[in-house]
């Protein structure tokens, strides 16, 4: 089996490009979208190994996307890392309580995000 596939969800194209570039450098396959609705669709059809998810999205926000993913038996086991500008402790705790595996605040360190991805993928993929 090859490297893991990671879905990157953010409404800012430059963030998507930066994250994808860093993940590709580590050998990961990536998928990307800019809305919560599309994230749910891709997660259901492509079953990525990990989702990097922004909180502030048009339409369905990241918290609701995570809640729906975790409520659906087909996507409940896909780990989620929130990547967001929301750095308040209450937001972090809320995200983790929804079942997120990680929470990274913007501006972010690409190496730190990459290490979280590596650690989570190592635990969750055969």
PDB file of N, CA and C in Angstrom:
ATOM      1  N   UNK A   1       0.836  -1.194   0.000  1.00  0.00           N
ATOM      2  CA  UNK A   1       0.000   0.000   0.000  1.00  0.00           C
ATOM      3  C   UNK A   1       0.880   1.256   0.000  1.00  0.00           C
ATOM      4  N   UNK A   2       0.463   2.286  -0.732  1.00  0.00           N
ATOM      5  CA  UNK A   2       1.219   3.527  -0.810  1.00  0.00           C
ATOM      6  C   UNK A   2       0.980   4.399   0.406  1.00  0.00           C
ATOM      7  N   UNK A   3       1.452   5.611   0.295  1.00  0.00           N
ATOM      8  CA  UNK A   3       1.248   6.581   1.383  1.00  0.00           C
ATOM      9  C   UNK A   3      -0.226   6.914   1.533  1.00  0.00           C
ATOM     10  N   UNK A   4      -0.565   7.439   2.672  1.00  0.00           N
ATOM     11  CA  UNK A   4      -1.948   7.790   2.993  1.00  0.00           C
ATOM     12  C   UNK A   4      -2.473   8.905   2.098  1.00  0.00           C
ATOM     13  N   UNK A   5      -3.798   8.935   1.957  1.00  0.00           N
ATOM     14  CA  UNK A   5      -4.479  10.003   1.244  1.00  0.00           C
ATOM     15  C   UNK A   5      -5.088  10.956   2.260  1.00  0.00           C
ATOM     16  N   UNK A   6      -4.839  12.235   2.078  1.00  0.00           N
ATOM     17  CA  UNK A   6      -5.285  13.243   3.035  1.00  0.00           C
ATOM     18  C   UNK A   6      -6.158  14.262   2.331  1.00  0.00           C
ATOM     19  N   UNK A   7      -7.331  14.517   2.894  1.00  0.00           N
ATOM     20  CA  UNK A   7      -8.243  15.530   2.385  1.00  0.00           C
ATOM     21  C   UNK A   7      -7.982  16.840   3.120  1.00  0.00           C
ATOM     22  N   UNK A   8      -7.699  17.892   2.356  1.00  0.00           N
ATOM     23  CA  UNK A   8      -7.441  19.221   2.912  1.00  0.00           C
ATOM     24  C   UNK A   8      -8.654  20.090   2.607  1.00  0.00           C
ATOM     25  N   UNK A   9      -9.282  20.627   3.670  1.00  0.00           N
ATOM     26  CA  UNK A   9     -10.493  21.431   3.507  1.00  0.00           C
ATOM     27  C   UNK A   9     -10.248  22.816   4.103  1.00  0.00           C
ATOM     28  N   UNK A  10     -10.247  23.823   3.238  1.00  0.00           N
ATOM     29  CA  UNK A  10     -10.052  25.204   3.692  1.00  0.00           C
ATOM     30  C   UNK A  10     -10.652  26.119   2.641  1.00  0.00           C
ATOM     31  N   UNK A  11     -11.211  27.245   3.057  1.00  0.00           N
ATOM     32  CA  UNK A  11     -11.790  28.168   2.088  1.00  0.00           C
ATOM     33  C   UNK A  11     -10.741  29.101   1.481  1.00  0.00           C
ATOM     34  N   UNK A  12      -9.503  28.997   1.925  1.00  0.00           N
ATOM     35  CA  UNK A  12      -8.413  29.809   1.381  1.00  0.00           C
ATOM     36  C   UNK A  12      -7.522  28.921   0.509  1.00  0.00           C
ATOM     37  N   UNK A  13      -7.528  29.206  -0.793  1.00  0.00           N
ATOM     38  CA  UNK A  13      -6.757  28.402  -1.747  1.00  0.00           C
ATOM     39  C   UNK A  13      -5.265  28.375  -1.411  1.00  0.00           C
ATOM     40  N   UNK A  14      -4.730  29.511  -0.923  1.00  0.00           N
ATOM     41  CA  UNK A  14      -3.289  29.541  -0.628  1.00  0.00           C
ATOM     42  C   UNK A  14      -2.933  28.619   0.531  1.00  0.00           C
ATOM     43  N   UNK A  15      -3.827  28.479   1.491  1.00  0.00           N
ATOM     44  CA  UNK A  15      -3.591  27.539   2.604  1.00  0.00           C
ATOM     45  C   UNK A  15      -3.618  26.109   2.068  1.00  0.00           C
ATOM     46  N   UNK A  16      -4.608  25.811   1.221  1.00  0.00           N
ATOM     47  CA  UNK A  16      -4.694  24.471   0.621  1.00  0.00           C
ATOM     48  C   UNK A  16      -3.391  24.160  -0.119  1.00  0.00           C
ATOM     49  N   UNK A  17      -2.932  25.093  -0.942  1.00  0.00           N
ATOM     50  CA  UNK A  17      -1.714  24.865  -1.720  1.00  0.00           C
ATOM     51  C   UNK A  17      -0.494  24.642  -0.831  1.00  0.00           C
ATOM     52  N   UNK A  18      -0.367  25.439   0.218  1.00  0.00           N
ATOM     53  CA  UNK A  18       0.761  25.298   1.142  1.00  0.00           C
ATOM     54  C   UNK A  18       0.735  23.934   1.838  1.00  0.00           C
ATOM     55  N   UNK A  19      -0.437  23.540   2.331  1.00  0.00           N
ATOM     56  CA  UNK A  19      -0.555  22.249   3.020  1.00  0.00           C
ATOM     57  C   UNK A  19      -0.296  21.102   2.044  1.00  0.00           C
ATOM     58  N   UNK A  20      -0.894  21.189   0.850  1.00  0.00           N
ATOM     59  CA  UNK A  20      -0.685  20.129  -0.142  1.00  0.00           C
ATOM     60  C   UNK A  20       0.785  20.005  -0.527  1.00  0.00           C
ATOM     61  N   UNK A  21       1.453  21.124  -0.711  1.00  0.00           N
ATOM     62  CA  UNK A  21       2.871  21.104  -1.066  1.00  0.00           C
ATOM     63  C   UNK A  21       3.688  20.369   0.000  1.00  0.00           C
ATOM     64  N   UNK A  22       3.436  20.705   1.254  1.00  0.00           N
ATOM     65  CA  UNK A  22       4.171  20.064   2.348  1.00  0.00           C
ATOM     66  C   UNK A  22       3.831  18.589   2.479  1.00  0.00           C
ATOM     67  N   UNK A  23       2.574  18.229   2.281  1.00  0.00           N
ATOM     68  CA  UNK A  23       2.181  16.819   2.362  1.00  0.00           C
ATOM     69  C   UNK A  23       2.764  16.026   1.195  1.00  0.00           C
ATOM     70  N   UNK A  24       2.749  16.604   0.004  1.00  0.00           N
ATOM     71  CA  UNK A  24       3.314  15.931  -1.172  1.00  0.00           C
ATOM     72  C   UNK A  24       4.806  15.691  -0.988  1.00  0.00           C
ATOM     73  N   UNK A  25       5.475  16.652  -0.364  1.00  0.00           N
ATOM     74  CA  UNK A  25       6.908  16.517  -0.095  1.00  0.00           C
ATOM     75  C   UNK A  25       7.188  15.294   0.791  1.00  0.00           C
ATOM     76  N   UNK A  26       6.213  14.963   1.629  1.00  0.00           N
ATOM     77  CA  UNK A  26       6.351  13.786   2.503  1.00  0.00           C
ATOM     78  C   UNK A  26       5.812  12.508   1.857  1.00  0.00           C
ATOM     79  N   UNK A  27       5.328  12.641   0.617  1.00  0.00           N
ATOM     80  CA  UNK A  27       4.871  11.463  -0.116  1.00  0.00           C
ATOM     81  C   UNK A  27       3.394  11.148   0.008  1.00  0.00           C
ATOM     82  N   UNK A  28       2.625  12.025   0.634  1.00  0.00           N
ATOM     83  CA  UNK A  28       1.194  11.775   0.778  1.00  0.00           C
ATOM     84  C   UNK A  28       0.436  12.164  -0.487  1.00  0.00           C
ATOM     85  N   UNK A  29      -0.635  11.432  -0.749  1.00  0.00           N
ATOM     86  CA  UNK A  29      -1.595  11.799  -1.790  1.00  0.00           C
ATOM     87  C   UNK A  29      -2.525  12.824  -1.148  1.00  0.00           C
ATOM     88  N   UNK A  30      -3.020  13.790  -1.907  1.00  0.00           N
ATOM     89  CA  UNK A  30      -3.946  14.756  -1.331  1.00  0.00           C
ATOM     90  C   UNK A  30      -5.170  14.949  -2.209  1.00  0.00           C
ATOM     91  N   UNK A  31      -6.248  15.281  -1.533  1.00  0.00           N
ATOM     92  CA  UNK A  31      -7.488  15.729  -2.150  1.00  0.00           C
ATOM     93  C   UNK A  31      -7.762  17.073  -1.509  1.00  0.00           C
ATOM     94  N   UNK A  32      -8.541  17.927  -2.160  1.00  0.00           N
ATOM     95  CA  UNK A  32      -8.811  19.239  -1.568  1.00  0.00           C
ATOM     96  C   UNK A  32     -10.187  19.738  -1.972  1.00  0.00           C
ATOM     97  N   UNK A  33     -10.767  20.555  -1.096  1.00  0.00           N
ATOM     98  CA  UNK A  33     -12.016  21.242  -1.400  1.00  0.00           C
ATOM     99  C   UNK A  33     -12.129  22.459  -0.491  1.00  0.00           C
ATOM    100  N   UNK A  34     -13.112  23.323  -0.807  1.00  0.00           N
ATOM    101  CA  UNK A  34     -13.227  24.598  -0.087  1.00  0.00           C
ATOM    102  C   UNK A  34     -14.523  24.741   0.698  1.00  0.00           C
ATOM    103  N   UNK A  35     -15.381  23.714   0.726  1.00  0.00           N
ATOM    104  CA  UNK A  35     -16.643  23.809   1.472  1.00  0.00           C
ATOM    105  C   UNK A  35     -16.868  22.564   2.320  1.00  0.00           C
ATOM    106  N   UNK A  36     -17.649  22.740   3.376  1.00  0.00           N
ATOM    107  CA  UNK A  36     -17.998  21.616   4.232  1.00  0.00           C
ATOM    108  C   UNK A  36     -18.827  20.572   3.516  1.00  0.00           C
ATOM    109  N   UNK A  37     -19.742  21.027   2.670  1.00  0.00           N
ATOM    110  CA  UNK A  37     -20.588  20.097   1.923  1.00  0.00           C
ATOM    111  C   UNK A  37     -19.746  19.183   1.042  1.00  0.00           C
ATOM    112  N   UNK A  38     -18.793  19.781   0.330  1.00  0.00           N
ATOM    113  CA  UNK A  38     -17.924  18.999  -0.553  1.00  0.00           C
ATOM    114  C   UNK A  38     -17.033  18.063   0.270  1.00  0.00           C
ATOM    115  N   UNK A  39     -16.596  18.518   1.436  1.00  0.00           N
ATOM    116  CA  UNK A  39     -15.772  17.665   2.308  1.00  0.00           C
ATOM    117  C   UNK A  39     -16.533  16.404   2.706  1.00  0.00           C
ATOM    118  N   UNK A  40     -17.802  16.556   3.066  1.00  0.00           N
ATOM    119  CA  UNK A  40     -18.622  15.393   3.444  1.00  0.00           C
ATOM    120  C   UNK A  40     -18.794  14.448   2.257  1.00  0.00           C
ATOM    121  N   UNK A  41     -18.992  15.023   1.082  1.00  0.00           N
ATOM    122  CA  UNK A  41     -19.159  14.215  -0.132  1.00  0.00           C
ATOM    123  C   UNK A  41     -17.884  13.416  -0.432  1.00  0.00           C
ATOM    124  N   UNK A  42     -16.738  14.093  -0.403  1.00  0.00           N
ATOM    125  CA  UNK A  42     -15.463  13.426  -0.693  1.00  0.00           C
ATOM    126  C   UNK A  42     -15.142  12.380   0.370  1.00  0.00           C
ATOM    127  N   UNK A  43     -15.357  12.720   1.627  1.00  0.00           N
ATOM    128  CA  UNK A  43     -15.080  11.762   2.707  1.00  0.00           C
ATOM    129  C   UNK A  43     -15.907  10.499   2.531  1.00  0.00           C
ATOM    130  N   UNK A  44     -17.160  10.655   2.134  1.00  0.00           N
ATOM    131  CA  UNK A  44     -18.023   9.500   1.943  1.00  0.00           C
ATOM    132  C   UNK A  44     -17.664   8.657   0.738  1.00  0.00           C
ATOM    133  N   UNK A  45     -17.197   9.297  -0.335  1.00  0.00           N
ATOM    134  CA  UNK A  45     -16.919   8.548  -1.558  1.00  0.00           C
ATOM    135  C   UNK A  45     -15.472   8.070  -1.675  1.00  0.00           C
ATOM    136  N   UNK A  46     -14.523   8.826  -1.142  1.00  0.00           N
ATOM    137  CA  UNK A  46     -13.102   8.503  -1.317  1.00  0.00           C
ATOM    138  C   UNK A  46     -12.443   7.896  -0.074  1.00  0.00           C
ATOM    139  N   UNK A  47     -13.081   8.009   1.091  1.00  0.00           N
ATOM    140  CA  UNK A  47     -12.538   7.482   2.349  1.00  0.00           C
ATOM    141  C   UNK A  47     -11.063   7.836   2.559  1.00  0.00           C
ATOM    142  N   UNK A  48     -10.752   9.128   2.688  1.00  0.00           N
ATOM    143  CA  UNK A  48      -9.350   9.495   2.935  1.00  0.00           C
ATOM    144  C   UNK A  48      -8.870   8.936   4.278  1.00  0.00           C
ATOM    145  N   UNK A  49      -7.568   8.839   4.427  1.00  0.00           N
ATOM    146  CA  UNK A  49      -6.992   8.320   5.669  1.00  0.00           C
ATOM    147  C   UNK A  49      -6.984   9.363   6.774  1.00  0.00           C
ATOM    148  N   UNK A  50      -7.098  10.646   6.400  1.00  0.00           N
ATOM    149  CA  UNK A  50      -7.047  11.748   7.357  1.00  0.00           C
ATOM    150  C   UNK A  50      -7.665  12.975   6.699  1.00  0.00           C
ATOM    151  N   UNK A  51      -8.294  13.818   7.509  1.00  0.00           N
ATOM    152  CA  UNK A  51      -8.851  15.070   7.007  1.00  0.00           C
ATOM    153  C   UNK A  51      -8.251  16.224   7.794  1.00  0.00           C
ATOM    154  N   UNK A  52      -7.713  17.211   7.091  1.00  0.00           N
ATOM    155  CA  UNK A  52      -7.267  18.461   7.702  1.00  0.00           C
ATOM    156  C   UNK A  52      -8.363  19.465   7.399  1.00  0.00           C
ATOM    157  N   UNK A  53      -8.995  20.001   8.443  1.00  0.00           N
ATOM    158  CA  UNK A  53     -10.258  20.712   8.308  1.00  0.00           C
ATOM    159  C   UNK A  53     -10.237  22.085   8.970  1.00  0.00           C
ATOM    160  N   UNK A  54     -10.567  23.105   8.190  1.00  0.00           N
ATOM    161  CA  UNK A  54     -10.710  24.455   8.723  1.00  0.00           C
ATOM    162  C   UNK A  54     -12.045  24.550   9.456  1.00  0.00           C
ATOM    163  N   UNK A  55     -12.126  25.410  10.451  1.00  0.00           N
ATOM    164  CA  UNK A  55     -13.394  25.619  11.161  1.00  0.00           C
ATOM    165  C   UNK A  55     -14.318  26.570  10.418  1.00  0.00           C
ATOM    166  N   UNK A  56     -13.752  27.657   9.927  1.00  0.00           N
ATOM    167  CA  UNK A  56     -14.573  28.702   9.315  1.00  0.00           C
ATOM    168  C   UNK A  56     -14.688  28.469   7.815  1.00  0.00           C
ATOM    169  N   UNK A  57     -15.764  27.784   7.437  1.00  0.00           N
ATOM    170  CA  UNK A  57     -16.032  27.462   6.046  1.00  0.00           C
ATOM    171  C   UNK A  57     -17.371  28.057   5.642  1.00  0.00           C
ATOM    172  N   UNK A  58     -17.562  28.351   4.362  1.00  0.00           N
ATOM    173  CA  UNK A  58     -18.881  28.806   3.925  1.00  0.00           C
ATOM    174  C   UNK A  58     -19.880  27.650   4.033  1.00  0.00           C
ATOM    175  N   UNK A  59     -21.122  27.955   4.331  1.00  0.00           N
ATOM    176  CA  UNK A  59     -22.129  26.893   4.469  1.00  0.00           C
ATOM    177  C   UNK A  59     -21.926  26.143   5.769  1.00  0.00           C
ATOM    178  N   UNK A  60     -21.735  24.853   5.670  1.00  0.00           N
ATOM    179  CA  UNK A  60     -21.531  24.011   6.852  1.00  0.00           C
ATOM    180  C   UNK A  60     -20.128  24.273   7.403  1.00  0.00           C
ATOM    181  N   UNK A  61     -20.031  24.675   8.686  1.00  0.00           N
ATOM    182  CA  UNK A  61     -18.705  24.960   9.252  1.00  0.00           C
ATOM    183  C   UNK A  61     -17.975  23.667   9.643  1.00  0.00           C
ATOM    184  N   UNK A  62     -16.705  23.816   9.969  1.00  0.00           N
ATOM    185  CA  UNK A  62     -15.866  22.662  10.271  1.00  0.00           C
ATOM    186  C   UNK A  62     -16.335  21.839  11.455  1.00  0.00           C
ATOM    187  N   UNK A  63     -16.850  22.489  12.491  1.00  0.00           N
ATOM    188  CA  UNK A  63     -17.349  21.736  13.653  1.00  0.00           C
ATOM    189  C   UNK A  63     -18.499  20.823  13.243  1.00  0.00           C
ATOM    190  N   UNK A  64     -19.415  21.354  12.418  1.00  0.00           N
ATOM    191  CA  UNK A  64     -20.550  20.552  11.962  1.00  0.00           C
ATOM    192  C   UNK A  64     -20.090  19.440  11.023  1.00  0.00           C
ATOM    193  N   UNK A  65     -19.108  19.731  10.183  1.00  0.00           N
ATOM    194  CA  UNK A  65     -18.556  18.693   9.316  1.00  0.00           C
ATOM    195  C   UNK A  65     -18.008  17.553  10.174  1.00  0.00           C
ATOM    196  N   UNK A  66     -17.232  17.884  11.185  1.00  0.00           N
ATOM    197  CA  UNK A  66     -16.653  16.873  12.069  1.00  0.00           C
ATOM    198  C   UNK A  66     -17.749  16.085  12.781  1.00  0.00           C
ATOM    199  N   UNK A  67     -18.759  16.786  13.282  1.00  0.00           N
ATOM    200  CA  UNK A  67     -19.862  16.108  13.970  1.00  0.00           C
ATOM    201  C   UNK A  67     -20.536  15.101  13.043  1.00  0.00           C
ATOM    202  N   UNK A  68     -20.797  15.507  11.812  1.00  0.00           N
ATOM    203  CA  UNK A  68     -21.451  14.613  10.837  1.00  0.00           C
ATOM    204  C   UNK A  68     -20.550  13.439  10.451  1.00  0.00           C
ATOM    205  N   UNK A  69     -19.261  13.711  10.290  1.00  0.00           N
ATOM    206  CA  UNK A  69     -18.327  12.628   9.976  1.00  0.00           C
ATOM    207  C   UNK A  69     -18.330  11.580  11.078  1.00  0.00           C
ATOM    208  N   UNK A  70     -18.265  12.043  12.326  1.00  0.00           N
ATOM    209  CA  UNK A  70     -18.193  11.124  13.460  1.00  0.00           C
ATOM    210  C   UNK A  70     -19.515  10.400  13.709  1.00  0.00           C
ATOM    211  N   UNK A  71     -20.632  10.975  13.258  1.00  0.00           N
ATOM    212  CA  UNK A  71     -21.947  10.350  13.430  1.00  0.00           C
ATOM    213  C   UNK A  71     -22.242   9.299  12.354  1.00  0.00           C
ATOM    214  N   UNK A  72     -21.493   9.337  11.257  1.00  0.00           N
ATOM    215  CA  UNK A  72     -21.721   8.424  10.141  1.00  0.00           C
ATOM    216  C   UNK A  72     -20.785   7.217  10.281  1.00  0.00           C
ATOM    217  N   UNK A  73     -21.338   6.007  10.376  1.00  0.00           N
ATOM    218  CA  UNK A  73     -20.479   4.823  10.540  1.00  0.00           C
ATOM    219  C   UNK A  73     -19.437   4.652   9.421  1.00  0.00           C
ATOM    220  N   UNK A  74     -19.741   5.146   8.223  1.00  0.00           N
ATOM    221  CA  UNK A  74     -18.809   5.013   7.109  1.00  0.00           C
ATOM    222  C   UNK A  74     -17.603   5.943   7.213  1.00  0.00           C
ATOM    223  N   UNK A  75     -17.740   7.042   7.963  1.00  0.00           N
ATOM    224  CA  UNK A  75     -16.652   8.022   8.060  1.00  0.00           C
ATOM    225  C   UNK A  75     -16.188   8.258   9.498  1.00  0.00           C
ATOM    226  N   UNK A  76     -16.809   7.604  10.448  1.00  0.00           N
ATOM    227  CA  UNK A  76     -16.525   7.857  11.873  1.00  0.00           C
ATOM    228  C   UNK A  76     -15.068   7.609  12.256  1.00  0.00           C
ATOM    229  N   UNK A  77     -14.400   6.703  11.550  1.00  0.00           N
ATOM    230  CA  UNK A  77     -13.021   6.362  11.924  1.00  0.00           C
ATOM    231  C   UNK A  77     -11.964   7.181  11.194  1.00  0.00           C
ATOM    232  N   UNK A  78     -12.387   8.135  10.358  1.00  0.00           N
ATOM    233  CA  UNK A  78     -11.405   8.988   9.668  1.00  0.00           C
ATOM    234  C   UNK A  78     -10.933  10.057  10.656  1.00  0.00           C
ATOM    235  N   UNK A  79      -9.642  10.092  10.975  1.00  0.00           N
ATOM    236  CA  UNK A  79      -9.154  11.119  11.902  1.00  0.00           C
ATOM    237  C   UNK A  79      -9.240  12.512  11.286  1.00  0.00           C
ATOM    238  N   UNK A  80      -9.501  13.496  12.144  1.00  0.00           N
ATOM    239  CA  UNK A  80      -9.623  14.888  11.723  1.00  0.00           C
ATOM    240  C   UNK A  80      -8.627  15.728  12.512  1.00  0.00           C
ATOM    241  N   UNK A  81      -7.890  16.583  11.798  1.00  0.00           N
ATOM    242  CA  UNK A  81      -7.064  17.605  12.439  1.00  0.00           C
ATOM    243  C   UNK A  81      -7.672  18.948  12.052  1.00  0.00           C
ATOM    244  N   UNK A  82      -8.077  19.727  13.042  1.00  0.00           N
ATOM    245  CA  UNK A  82      -8.550  21.073  12.751  1.00  0.00           C
ATOM    246  C   UNK A  82      -7.348  21.969  12.501  1.00  0.00           C
ATOM    247  N   UNK A  83      -7.435  22.779  11.450  1.00  0.00           N
ATOM    248  CA  UNK A  83      -6.409  23.776  11.125  1.00  0.00           C
ATOM    249  C   UNK A  83      -7.149  25.093  10.994  1.00  0.00           C
ATOM    250  N   UNK A  84      -7.034  25.953  12.003  1.00  0.00           N
ATOM    251  CA  UNK A  84      -7.911  27.106  12.072  1.00  0.00           C
ATOM    252  C   UNK A  84      -7.269  28.308  12.753  1.00  0.00           C
ATOM    253  N   UNK A  85      -7.820  29.474  12.471  1.00  0.00           N
ATOM    254  CA  UNK A  85      -7.379  30.701  13.137  1.00  0.00           C
ATOM    255  C   UNK A  85      -7.977  30.828  14.533  1.00  0.00           C
ATOM    256  N   UNK A  86      -8.983  30.015  14.843  1.00  0.00           N
ATOM    257  CA  UNK A  86      -9.628  30.088  16.156  1.00  0.00           C
ATOM    258  C   UNK A  86      -8.736  29.412  17.195  1.00  0.00           C
ATOM    259  N   UNK A  87      -8.168  30.227  18.077  1.00  0.00           N
ATOM    260  CA  UNK A  87      -7.200  29.691  19.030  1.00  0.00           C
ATOM    261  C   UNK A  87      -7.684  29.743  20.485  1.00  0.00           C
ATOM    262  N   UNK A  88      -8.944  30.136  20.688  1.00  0.00           N
ATOM    263  CA  UNK A  88      -9.470  30.193  22.047  1.00  0.00           C
ATOM    264  C   UNK A  88      -9.587  28.775  22.622  1.00  0.00           C
ATOM    265  N   UNK A  89      -9.271  28.654  23.898  1.00  0.00           N
ATOM    266  CA  UNK A  89      -9.291  27.340  24.540  1.00  0.00           C
ATOM    267  C   UNK A  89     -10.646  26.662  24.405  1.00  0.00           C
ATOM    268  N   UNK A  90     -11.738  27.419  24.507  1.00  0.00           N
ATOM    269  CA  UNK A  90     -13.073  26.833  24.390  1.00  0.00           C
ATOM    270  C   UNK A  90     -13.278  26.195  23.016  1.00  0.00           C
ATOM    271  N   UNK A  91     -12.776  26.840  21.964  1.00  0.00           N
ATOM    272  CA  UNK A  91     -12.898  26.285  20.610  1.00  0.00           C
ATOM    273  C   UNK A  91     -12.066  25.010  20.476  1.00  0.00           C
ATOM    274  N   UNK A  92     -10.866  25.032  21.017  1.00  0.00           N
ATOM    275  CA  UNK A  92      -9.995  23.858  20.951  1.00  0.00           C
ATOM    276  C   UNK A  92     -10.646  22.683  21.668  1.00  0.00           C
ATOM    277  N   UNK A  93     -11.157  22.932  22.874  1.00  0.00           N
ATOM    278  CA  UNK A  93     -11.800  21.860  23.640  1.00  0.00           C
ATOM    279  C   UNK A  93     -13.052  21.345  22.940  1.00  0.00           C
ATOM    280  N   UNK A  94     -13.802  22.259  22.339  1.00  0.00           N
ATOM    281  CA  UNK A  94     -15.011  21.847  21.610  1.00  0.00           C
ATOM    282  C   UNK A  94     -14.633  20.948  20.434  1.00  0.00           C
ATOM    283  N   UNK A  95     -13.616  21.349  19.692  1.00  0.00           N
ATOM    284  CA  UNK A  95     -13.169  20.553  18.552  1.00  0.00           C
ATOM    285  C   UNK A  95     -12.699  19.166  18.971  1.00  0.00           C
ATOM    286  N   UNK A  96     -11.913  19.110  20.019  1.00  0.00           N
ATOM    287  CA  UNK A  96     -11.418  17.816  20.501  1.00  0.00           C
ATOM    288  C   UNK A  96     -12.547  16.961  21.062  1.00  0.00           C
ATOM    289  N   UNK A  97     -13.539  17.609  21.682  1.00  0.00           N
ATOM    290  CA  UNK A  97     -14.666  16.848  22.238  1.00  0.00           C
ATOM    291  C   UNK A  97     -15.539  16.241  21.144  1.00  0.00           C
ATOM    292  N   UNK A  98     -15.484  16.811  19.941  1.00  0.00           N
ATOM    293  CA  UNK A  98     -16.229  16.249  18.809  1.00  0.00           C
ATOM    294  C   UNK A  98     -15.514  15.034  18.210  1.00  0.00           C
ATOM    295  N   UNK A  99     -14.319  14.760  18.694  1.00  0.00           N
ATOM    296  CA  UNK A  99     -13.591  13.593  18.216  1.00  0.00           C
ATOM    297  C   UNK A  99     -12.400  13.903  17.336  1.00  0.00           C
ATOM    298  N   UNK A 100     -12.023  15.173  17.224  1.00  0.00           N
ATOM    299  CA  UNK A 100     -10.843  15.516  16.425  1.00  0.00           C
ATOM    300  C   UNK A 100      -9.591  14.910  17.044  1.00  0.00           C
ATOM    301  N   UNK A 101      -8.680  14.476  16.189  1.00  0.00           N
ATOM    302  CA  UNK A 101      -7.433  13.875  16.649  1.00  0.00           C
ATOM    303  C   UNK A 101      -6.365  14.923  16.925  1.00  0.00           C
ATOM    304  N   UNK A 102      -6.559  16.136  16.389  1.00  0.00           N
ATOM    305  CA  UNK A 102      -5.577  17.193  16.580  1.00  0.00           C
ATOM    306  C   UNK A 102      -6.183  18.554  16.302  1.00  0.00           C
ATOM    307  N   UNK A 103      -5.463  19.591  16.719  1.00  0.00           N
ATOM    308  CA  UNK A 103      -5.945  20.962  16.557  1.00  0.00           C
ATOM    309  C   UNK A 103      -4.722  21.846  16.387  1.00  0.00           C
ATOM    310  N   UNK A 104      -4.589  22.480  15.215  1.00  0.00           N
ATOM    311  CA  UNK A 104      -3.450  23.333  14.909  1.00  0.00           C
ATOM    312  C   UNK A 104      -3.984  24.723  14.588  1.00  0.00           C
ATOM    313  N   UNK A 105      -3.384  25.747  15.193  1.00  0.00           N
ATOM    314  CA  UNK A 105      -3.863  27.105  14.959  1.00  0.00           C
ATOM    315  C   UNK A 105      -3.020  27.813  13.904  1.00  0.00           C
ATOM    316  N   UNK A 106      -3.687  28.667  13.129  1.00  0.00           N
ATOM    317  CA  UNK A 106      -3.027  29.507  12.124  1.00  0.00           C
ATOM    318  C   UNK A 106      -2.574  30.793  12.796  1.00  0.00           C
ATOM    319  N   UNK A 107      -1.462  31.373  12.401  1.00  0.00           N
ATOM    320  CA  UNK A 107      -0.530  30.815  11.427  1.00  0.00           C
ATOM    321  C   UNK A 107       0.123  29.560  12.004  1.00  0.00           C
ATOM    322  N   UNK A 108       0.412  28.620  11.145  1.00  0.00           N
ATOM    323  CA  UNK A 108       0.895  27.324  11.623  1.00  0.00           C
ATOM    324  C   UNK A 108       2.302  27.040  11.119  1.00  0.00           C
ATOM    325  N   UNK A 109       2.970  26.161  11.838  1.00  0.00           N
ATOM    326  CA  UNK A 109       4.291  25.683  11.466  1.00  0.00           C
ATOM    327  C   UNK A 109       4.087  24.421  10.628  1.00  0.00           C
ATOM    328  N   UNK A 110       4.515  24.457   9.377  1.00  0.00           N
ATOM    329  CA  UNK A 110       4.310  23.324   8.472  1.00  0.00           C
ATOM    330  C   UNK A 110       4.962  22.042   8.997  1.00  0.00           C
ATOM    331  N   UNK A 111       6.110  22.163   9.649  1.00  0.00           N
ATOM    332  CA  UNK A 111       6.769  20.968  10.195  1.00  0.00           C
ATOM    333  C   UNK A 111       5.968  20.361  11.335  1.00  0.00           C
ATOM    334  N   UNK A 112       5.392  21.205  12.182  1.00  0.00           N
ATOM    335  CA  UNK A 112       4.583  20.710  13.295  1.00  0.00           C
ATOM    336  C   UNK A 112       3.319  20.033  12.776  1.00  0.00           C
ATOM    337  N   UNK A 113       2.682  20.634  11.785  1.00  0.00           N
ATOM    338  CA  UNK A 113       1.500  20.010  11.187  1.00  0.00           C
ATOM    339  C   UNK A 113       1.879  18.675  10.553  1.00  0.00           C
ATOM    340  N   UNK A 114       2.989  18.662   9.833  1.00  0.00           N
ATOM    341  CA  UNK A 114       3.454  17.424   9.206  1.00  0.00           C
ATOM    342  C   UNK A 114       3.729  16.324  10.212  1.00  0.00           C
ATOM    343  N   UNK A 115       4.265  16.695  11.372  1.00  0.00           N
ATOM    344  CA  UNK A 115       4.538  15.696  12.400  1.00  0.00           C
ATOM    345  C   UNK A 115       3.240  15.140  12.975  1.00  0.00           C
ATOM    346  N   UNK A 116       2.239  16.007  13.187  1.00  0.00           N
ATOM    347  CA  UNK A 116       0.933  15.516  13.657  1.00  0.00           C
ATOM    348  C   UNK A 116       0.324  14.552  12.649  1.00  0.00           C
ATOM    349  N   UNK A 117       0.401  14.921  11.368  1.00  0.00           N
ATOM    350  CA  UNK A 117      -0.126  14.057  10.306  1.00  0.00           C
ATOM    351  C   UNK A 117       0.571  12.708  10.363  1.00  0.00           C
ATOM    352  N   UNK A 118       1.894  12.729  10.402  1.00  0.00           N
ATOM    353  CA  UNK A 118       2.688  11.498  10.432  1.00  0.00           C
ATOM    354  C   UNK A 118       2.314  10.620  11.628  1.00  0.00           C
ATOM    355  N   UNK A 119       2.205  11.221  12.802  1.00  0.00           N
ATOM    356  CA  UNK A 119       1.874  10.476  14.015  1.00  0.00           C
ATOM    357  C   UNK A 119       0.473   9.844  13.935  1.00  0.00           C
ATOM    358  N   UNK A 120      -0.491  10.606  13.458  1.00  0.00           N
ATOM    359  CA  UNK A 120      -1.868  10.103  13.385  1.00  0.00           C
ATOM    360  C   UNK A 120      -1.986   9.017  12.321  1.00  0.00           C
ATOM    361  N   UNK A 121      -1.382   9.238  11.166  1.00  0.00           N
ATOM    362  CA  UNK A 121      -1.437   8.243  10.093  1.00  0.00           C
ATOM    363  C   UNK A 121      -0.772   6.953  10.549  1.00  0.00           C
ATOM    364  N   UNK A 122       0.352   7.053  11.263  1.00  0.00           N
ATOM    365  CA  UNK A 122       1.046   5.850  11.745  1.00  0.00           C
ATOM    366  C   UNK A 122       0.163   5.031  12.688  1.00  0.00           C
ATOM    367  N   UNK A 123      -0.670   5.711  13.473  1.00  0.00           N
ATOM    368  CA  UNK A 123      -1.546   5.019  14.423  1.00  0.00           C
ATOM    369  C   UNK A 123      -2.785   4.413  13.773  1.00  0.00           C
ATOM    370  N   UNK A 124      -3.211   4.993  12.642  1.00  0.00           N
ATOM    371  CA  UNK A 124      -4.516   4.623  12.107  1.00  0.00           C
ATOM    372  C   UNK A 124      -4.503   3.849  10.793  1.00  0.00           C
ATOM    373  N   UNK A 125      -3.356   3.747  10.124  1.00  0.00           N
ATOM    374  CA  UNK A 125      -3.319   3.003   8.881  1.00  0.00           C
ATOM    375  C   UNK A 125      -2.444   1.770   9.028  1.00  0.00           C
ATOM    376  N   UNK A 126      -2.866   0.682   8.380  1.00  0.00           N
ATOM    377  CA  UNK A 126      -2.100  -0.568   8.506  1.00  0.00           C
ATOM    378  C   UNK A 126      -0.750  -0.515   7.804  1.00  0.00           C
TER     379      UNK A 126
END
